[in-house]
Amino acid sequence: MNVLCSNFEQGVASSLDVISAESELKQAQVDYVQALLNTLISKTELDKAMGKIK
């Protein structure tokens, strides 16, 4: 991201490139948090199935 911002400042990358990169970063962060949540849900379901929790 820093390289892209530097490229933008130098006129090598467009503002659309920067906005696209920022959007992709935010989506990757959302996907990461969703994956963590899914892991916790799956662990809870496994523990329930094994009788560790009710």
C-alpha atoms as a PDB file:
ATOM      1  CA  MET A   1       0.000   0.000   0.000  1.00  0.00           C
ATOM      2  CA  ASN A   2       2.804   2.418   0.844  1.00  0.00           C
ATOM      3  CA  VAL A   3       4.443   1.689  -2.502  1.00  0.00           C
ATOM      4  CA  LEU A   4       1.186   2.419  -4.297  1.00  0.00           C
ATOM      5  CA  CYS A   5       0.752   5.713  -2.427  1.00  0.00           C
ATOM      6  CA  SER A   6       4.316   6.645  -3.305  1.00  0.00           C
ATOM      7  CA  ASN A   7       3.649   5.759  -6.940  1.00  0.00           C
ATOM      8  CA  PHE A   8       0.519   7.915  -6.836  1.00  0.00           C
ATOM      9  CA  GLU A   9       2.483  10.856  -5.436  1.00  0.00           C
ATOM     10  CA  GLN A  10       5.005  10.441  -8.240  1.00  0.00           C
ATOM     11  CA  GLY A  11       2.231  10.286 -10.825  1.00  0.00           C
ATOM     12  CA  VAL A  12       2.885   6.642 -11.721  1.00  0.00           C
ATOM     13  CA  ALA A  13      -0.370   5.259 -10.286  1.00  0.00           C
ATOM     14  CA  SER A  14      -3.842   6.720 -10.662  1.00  0.00           C
ATOM     15  CA  SER A  15      -6.205   7.661  -7.854  1.00  0.00           C
ATOM     16  CA  LEU A  16      -8.366   4.745  -8.989  1.00  0.00           C
ATOM     17  CA  ASP A  17      -5.430   2.396  -8.317  1.00  0.00           C
ATOM     18  CA  VAL A  18      -5.133   3.744  -4.777  1.00  0.00           C
ATOM     19  CA  ILE A  19      -8.880   3.537  -4.123  1.00  0.00           C
ATOM     20  CA  SER A  20      -8.987  -0.010  -5.509  1.00  0.00           C
ATOM     21  CA  ALA A  21      -6.076  -1.086  -3.323  1.00  0.00           C
ATOM     22  CA  GLU A  22      -7.703   0.448  -0.244  1.00  0.00           C
ATOM     23  CA  SER A  23     -10.976  -1.303  -1.052  1.00  0.00           C
ATOM     24  CA  GLU A  24      -9.220  -4.649  -1.516  1.00  0.00           C
ATOM     25  CA  LEU A  25      -7.390  -4.191   1.792  1.00  0.00           C
ATOM     26  CA  LYS A  26     -10.630  -3.481   3.645  1.00  0.00           C
ATOM     27  CA  GLN A  27     -12.275  -6.517   2.060  1.00  0.00           C
ATOM     28  CA  ALA A  28      -9.327  -8.712   3.064  1.00  0.00           C
ATOM     29  CA  GLN A  29      -9.649  -7.441   6.636  1.00  0.00           C
ATOM     30  CA  VAL A  30     -13.382  -8.229   6.657  1.00  0.00           C
ATOM     31  CA  ASP A  31     -12.704 -11.702   5.236  1.00  0.00           C
ATOM     32  CA  TYR A  32     -10.077 -12.322   7.933  1.00  0.00           C
ATOM     33  CA  VAL A  33     -12.429 -11.368  10.760  1.00  0.00           C
ATOM     34  CA  GLN A  34     -15.190 -13.494   9.218  1.00  0.00           C
ATOM     35  CA  ALA A  35     -12.816 -16.468   9.049  1.00  0.00           C
ATOM     36  CA  LEU A  36     -11.929 -16.008  12.728  1.00  0.00           C
ATOM     37  CA  LEU A  37     -15.604 -15.884  13.631  1.00  0.00           C
ATOM     38  CA  ASN A  38     -16.336 -19.004  11.580  1.00  0.00           C
ATOM     39  CA  THR A  39     -13.490 -20.806  13.370  1.00  0.00           C
ATOM     40  CA  LEU A  40     -14.925 -19.930  16.767  1.00  0.00           C
ATOM     41  CA  ILE A  41     -18.420 -20.992  15.724  1.00  0.00           C
ATOM     42  CA  SER A  42     -17.104 -24.308  14.397  1.00  0.00           C
ATOM     43  CA  LYS A  43     -15.114 -24.923  17.590  1.00  0.00           C
ATOM     44  CA  THR A  44     -18.210 -24.254  19.682  1.00  0.00           C
ATOM     45  CA  GLU A  45     -20.297 -26.614  17.540  1.00  0.00           C
ATOM     46  CA  LEU A  46     -17.618 -29.308  17.880  1.00  0.00           C
ATOM     47  CA  ASP A  47     -17.479 -28.875  21.657  1.00  0.00           C
ATOM     48  CA  LYS A  48     -21.286 -29.163  21.800  1.00  0.00           C
ATOM     49  CA  ALA A  49     -21.237 -32.311  19.670  1.00  0.00           C
ATOM     50  CA  MET A  50     -18.613 -33.871  21.934  1.00  0.00           C
ATOM     51  CA  GLY A  51     -20.614 -32.993  25.041  1.00  0.00           C
ATOM     52  CA  LYS A  52     -18.004 -30.600  26.395  1.00  0.00           C
ATOM     53  CA  ILE A  53     -20.557 -27.790  26.590  1.00  0.00           C
ATOM     54  CA  LYS A  54     -24.339 -27.643  26.570  1.00  0.00           C
END
